[in-house]
Amino acid sequence: MSFLKRLFGGGGAGEPKSAAPAKQIEHKGFLISATPYKAEGQYQTCGVVSKEIDGVVKEHKFIRADRFAGLDDAVDISIKKGIQLVDEQGEKMFG
């Protein structure tokens, strides 16, 4: 796998194929799901922002470099990052 693909979240070792959300919230019509995963003994910040647009569910997966010893901290930061994406980009993140 290429360096750039791993760097930008294209499927590094330890990344889950699909993870059940640890927590979900609604924010401004978007569903934000926290999906942190275990990586090198810590929890990696990860989540999905989704919204139904014209009858089609659009999703944007994000992974950040932040890692935490506890799952609760990773979940909280994943939700905050999802809120930040919605506030800054809105539906543009899907295009």
Protein backbone atom coordinates (compact mmCIF):
# COMPACT_ATOMS: atom_id res chain seq x y z
CA MET A 1 0.00 0.00 0.00
CA SER A 2 1.35 3.44 -0.86
CA PHE A 3 2.61 5.84 1.77
CA LEU A 4 0.14 8.55 0.73
CA LYS A 5 -2.81 6.19 0.90
CA ARG A 6 -1.91 5.23 4.49
CA LEU A 7 -1.20 8.86 5.40
CA PHE A 8 -4.62 10.05 4.27
CA GLY A 9 -6.65 7.20 5.73
CA GLY A 10 -6.73 4.86 2.77
CA GLY A 11 -6.59 1.66 4.77
CA GLY A 12 -3.64 1.22 7.07
CA ALA A 13 -2.99 -1.84 9.17
CA GLY A 14 -5.29 -2.06 12.14
CA GLU A 15 -8.05 -0.03 10.55
CA PRO A 16 -11.37 -1.88 10.81
CA LYS A 17 -13.31 -2.84 7.70
CA SER A 18 -16.51 -1.62 9.37
CA ALA A 19 -17.07 -0.70 12.97
CA ALA A 20 -20.26 -0.41 14.95
CA PRO A 21 -20.65 3.16 16.19
CA ALA A 22 -19.65 3.67 19.81
CA LYS A 23 -21.93 6.73 19.92
CA GLN A 24 -24.17 8.64 17.49
CA ILE A 25 -25.61 12.13 17.63
CA GLU A 26 -27.66 14.34 15.31
CA HIS A 27 -26.24 17.78 14.52
CA LYS A 28 -27.88 20.21 12.07
CA GLY A 29 -29.59 17.38 10.19
CA PHE A 30 -26.43 15.25 9.94
CA LEU A 31 -25.83 11.98 11.78
CA ILE A 32 -22.38 11.83 13.37
CA SER A 33 -21.12 8.38 14.36
CA ALA A 34 -18.02 7.87 16.48
CA THR A 35 -16.16 4.72 15.37
CA PRO A 36 -12.75 4.81 17.07
CA TYR A 37 -10.65 1.66 16.71
CA LYS A 38 -7.71 0.11 18.54
CA ALA A 39 -4.33 0.93 16.97
CA GLU A 40 -0.98 0.19 18.58
CA GLY A 41 -2.52 -0.12 22.05
CA GLN A 42 -4.53 3.09 21.86
CA TYR A 43 -7.81 4.24 20.33
CA GLN A 44 -7.62 6.10 17.01
CA THR A 45 -10.00 9.03 16.40
CA CYS A 46 -12.40 7.96 13.65
CA GLY A 47 -15.98 8.56 12.63
CA VAL A 48 -18.60 8.92 9.92
CA VAL A 49 -20.77 11.91 9.05
CA SER A 50 -23.89 11.02 7.06
CA LYS A 51 -27.00 12.70 5.72
CA GLU A 52 -29.85 11.74 3.43
CA ILE A 53 -29.87 14.05 0.40
CA ASP A 54 -32.52 13.63 -2.32
CA GLY A 55 -33.33 10.14 -1.04
CA VAL A 56 -29.69 8.98 -1.05
CA VAL A 57 -27.62 8.54 2.11
CA LYS A 58 -24.25 10.25 1.67
CA GLU A 59 -21.35 9.39 3.99
CA HIS A 60 -18.00 10.95 4.76
CA LYS A 61 -15.56 8.85 6.80
CA PHE A 62 -12.82 10.65 8.69
CA ILE A 63 -9.74 9.43 10.52
CA ARG A 64 -7.48 11.72 12.54
CA ALA A 65 -4.01 11.18 13.92
CA ASP A 66 -5.20 11.70 17.51
CA ARG A 67 -4.94 8.61 19.70
CA PHE A 68 -6.13 8.11 23.27
CA ALA A 69 -5.56 5.54 26.00
CA GLY A 70 -9.28 5.40 26.81
CA LEU A 71 -12.19 4.63 24.50
CA ASP A 72 -14.39 7.34 26.07
CA ASP A 73 -11.88 10.07 25.21
CA ALA A 74 -11.58 8.81 21.62
CA VAL A 75 -15.38 8.74 21.27
CA ASP A 76 -15.74 12.29 22.63
CA ILE A 77 -13.08 13.69 20.28
CA SER A 78 -14.50 11.77 17.30
CA ILE A 79 -17.91 13.37 17.92
CA LYS A 80 -16.32 16.84 18.28
CA LYS A 81 -14.39 16.37 15.01
CA GLY A 82 -17.61 15.34 13.26
CA ILE A 83 -19.38 18.45 14.57
CA GLN A 84 -16.48 20.57 13.37
CA LEU A 85 -16.71 19.05 9.87
CA VAL A 86 -20.45 19.76 9.70
CA ASP A 87 -20.02 23.33 10.96
CA GLU A 88 -17.15 24.11 8.56
CA GLN A 89 -18.18 22.20 5.42
CA GLY A 90 -21.81 21.17 5.63
CA GLU A 91 -23.02 19.24 2.57
CA LYS A 92 -19.87 20.29 0.64
CA MET A 93 -17.98 17.44 2.34
CA PHE A 94 -19.90 14.99 0.13
CA GLY A 95 -19.01 16.62 -3.16
